[in-house]
Amino acid sequence: MMDVPMTPAEKSQLKDSIPLLTLAQQNGILEIVRDSCPQSNKAEVFEFELDMLTVRKCRELEKYVNDCIKENKKKAKRKEADKVRRDK
């Protein structure tokens, strides 16, 4: 799967998912794409095009983002369960 190019729909889903991550998680994206994107490390906004990344980098990024979203959902469920328990 790591060598299969992303479809336009997959790229769109990935682009839509990135803003759902926490700031710390978004910093993890920087670690993944930094070596593929020649930009100043001092830039306040880091921009990159998925089309400029290798297939492997896109898939690595996709896995990272999906893992982060799963973790965020788990945390939200735990937080909700804790709230319900406290409210009893």
C-alpha atoms as a PDB file:
ATOM      1  CA  MET A   1       0.000   0.000   0.000  1.00  0.00           C
ATOM      2  CA  MET A   2       2.934   2.330   0.678  1.00  0.00           C
ATOM      3  CA  ASP A   3       3.843   2.426  -3.025  1.00  0.00           C
ATOM      4  CA  VAL A   4       0.336   2.890  -4.436  1.00  0.00           C
ATOM      5  CA  PRO A   5      -0.219   6.501  -5.555  1.00  0.00           C
ATOM      6  CA  MET A   6      -2.986   8.379  -3.772  1.00  0.00           C
ATOM      7  CA  THR A   7      -6.189   9.051  -5.631  1.00  0.00           C
ATOM      8  CA  PRO A   8      -7.498  12.624  -5.809  1.00  0.00           C
ATOM      9  CA  ALA A   9     -10.212  11.616  -3.303  1.00  0.00           C
ATOM     10  CA  GLU A  10      -7.594  10.280  -0.858  1.00  0.00           C
ATOM     11  CA  LYS A  11      -5.564  13.482  -1.188  1.00  0.00           C
ATOM     12  CA  SER A  12      -8.672  15.555  -0.595  1.00  0.00           C
ATOM     13  CA  GLN A  13      -9.544  13.515   2.503  1.00  0.00           C
ATOM     14  CA  LEU A  14      -5.999  13.941   3.813  1.00  0.00           C
ATOM     15  CA  LYS A  15      -6.081  17.712   3.238  1.00  0.00           C
ATOM     16  CA  ASP A  16      -9.429  17.931   5.056  1.00  0.00           C
ATOM     17  CA  SER A  17      -8.165  15.832   7.967  1.00  0.00           C
ATOM     18  CA  ILE A  18      -4.994  17.780   8.760  1.00  0.00           C
ATOM     19  CA  PRO A  19      -6.818  20.747  10.376  1.00  0.00           C
ATOM     20  CA  LEU A  20      -8.530  18.305  12.776  1.00  0.00           C
ATOM     21  CA  LEU A  21      -5.209  17.550  14.449  1.00  0.00           C
ATOM     22  CA  THR A  22      -3.911  19.278  17.545  1.00  0.00           C
ATOM     23  CA  LEU A  23      -1.027  21.716  17.187  1.00  0.00           C
ATOM     24  CA  ALA A  24       1.377  19.139  18.615  1.00  0.00           C
ATOM     25  CA  GLN A  25       0.146  16.573  16.105  1.00  0.00           C
ATOM     26  CA  GLN A  26       0.517  19.071  13.268  1.00  0.00           C
ATOM     27  CA  ASN A  27       4.130  19.533  14.335  1.00  0.00           C
ATOM     28  CA  GLY A  28       4.523  15.801  13.719  1.00  0.00           C
ATOM     29  CA  ILE A  29       3.543  16.443  10.115  1.00  0.00           C
ATOM     30  CA  LEU A  30       6.466  18.845   9.863  1.00  0.00           C
ATOM     31  CA  GLU A  31       8.819  16.072  10.899  1.00  0.00           C
ATOM     32  CA  ILE A  32       7.463  13.830   8.153  1.00  0.00           C
ATOM     33  CA  VAL A  33       7.543  16.335   5.277  1.00  0.00           C
ATOM     34  CA  ARG A  34      10.393  18.681   6.270  1.00  0.00           C
ATOM     35  CA  ASP A  35      13.090  16.879   4.275  1.00  0.00           C
ATOM     36  CA  SER A  36      10.845  16.895   1.193  1.00  0.00           C
ATOM     37  CA  CYS A  37      10.013  20.607   1.297  1.00  0.00           C
ATOM     38  CA  PRO A  38      12.783  23.165   1.016  1.00  0.00           C
ATOM     39  CA  GLN A  39      11.554  26.030   3.214  1.00  0.00           C
ATOM     40  CA  SER A  40      12.998  28.152   5.927  1.00  0.00           C
ATOM     41  CA  ASN A  41      12.732  26.549   9.364  1.00  0.00           C
ATOM     42  CA  LYS A  42      11.828  30.001  10.677  1.00  0.00           C
ATOM     43  CA  ALA A  43       8.670  30.340   8.592  1.00  0.00           C
ATOM     44  CA  GLU A  44       5.571  30.929  10.711  1.00  0.00           C
ATOM     45  CA  VAL A  45       3.391  29.033   8.242  1.00  0.00           C
ATOM     46  CA  PHE A  46       4.672  25.840   6.698  1.00  0.00           C
ATOM     47  CA  GLU A  47       3.038  25.000   3.383  1.00  0.00           C
ATOM     48  CA  PHE A  48       3.547  22.015   1.157  1.00  0.00           C
ATOM     49  CA  GLU A  49       1.813  20.394  -1.780  1.00  0.00           C
ATOM     50  CA  LEU A  50       0.929  16.732  -1.548  1.00  0.00           C
ATOM     51  CA  ASP A  51       1.708  16.441  -5.250  1.00  0.00           C
ATOM     52  CA  MET A  52       5.312  17.403  -4.524  1.00  0.00           C
ATOM     53  CA  LEU A  53       5.794  14.574  -2.004  1.00  0.00           C
ATOM     54  CA  THR A  54       6.818  11.062  -2.946  1.00  0.00           C
ATOM     55  CA  VAL A  55       4.150   8.378  -2.881  1.00  0.00           C
ATOM     56  CA  ARG A  56       5.827   6.889   0.197  1.00  0.00           C
ATOM     57  CA  LYS A  57       5.778  10.255   2.028  1.00  0.00           C
ATOM     58  CA  CYS A  58       2.106  10.789   1.169  1.00  0.00           C
ATOM     59  CA  ARG A  59       1.225   7.359   2.534  1.00  0.00           C
ATOM     60  CA  GLU A  60       3.349   7.915   5.643  1.00  0.00           C
ATOM     61  CA  LEU A  61       1.574  11.208   6.192  1.00  0.00           C
ATOM     62  CA  GLU A  62      -1.824   9.580   5.625  1.00  0.00           C
ATOM     63  CA  LYS A  63      -1.072   6.880   8.215  1.00  0.00           C
ATOM     64  CA  TYR A  64       0.160   9.430  10.739  1.00  0.00           C
ATOM     65  CA  VAL A  65      -2.910  11.661  10.313  1.00  0.00           C
ATOM     66  CA  ASN A  66      -5.322   8.710  10.519  1.00  0.00           C
ATOM     67  CA  ASP A  67      -3.582   7.407  13.661  1.00  0.00           C
ATOM     68  CA  CYS A  68      -3.816  10.860  15.260  1.00  0.00           C
ATOM     69  CA  ILE A  69      -7.513  11.146  14.446  1.00  0.00           C
ATOM     70  CA  LYS A  70      -8.186   7.695  15.943  1.00  0.00           C
ATOM     71  CA  GLU A  71      -6.307   8.704  19.093  1.00  0.00           C
ATOM     72  CA  ASN A  72      -8.267  11.965  19.321  1.00  0.00           C
ATOM     73  CA  LYS A  73     -11.550  10.065  19.011  1.00  0.00           C
ATOM     74  CA  LYS A  74     -10.492   7.665  21.778  1.00  0.00           C
ATOM     75  CA  LYS A  75      -9.579  10.592  24.025  1.00  0.00           C
ATOM     76  CA  ALA A  76     -12.908  12.288  23.297  1.00  0.00           C
ATOM     77  CA  LYS A  77     -14.810   9.081  24.165  1.00  0.00           C
ATOM     78  CA  ARG A  78     -12.819   8.694  27.389  1.00  0.00           C
ATOM     79  CA  LYS A  79     -13.454  12.321  28.286  1.00  0.00           C
ATOM     80  CA  GLU A  80     -17.181  11.908  27.641  1.00  0.00           C
ATOM     81  CA  ALA A  81     -17.311   8.688  29.702  1.00  0.00           C
ATOM     82  CA  ASP A  82     -15.492  10.437  32.560  1.00  0.00           C
ATOM     83  CA  LYS A  83     -17.969  13.314  32.401  1.00  0.00           C
ATOM     84  CA  VAL A  84     -20.936  10.922  32.513  1.00  0.00           C
ATOM     85  CA  ARG A  85     -19.407   9.147  35.516  1.00  0.00           C
ATOM     86  CA  ARG A  86     -18.807  12.423  37.339  1.00  0.00           C
ATOM     87  CA  ASP A  87     -22.357  13.609  36.663  1.00  0.00           C
ATOM     88  CA  LYS A  88     -23.934  10.506  38.291  1.00  0.00           C
END
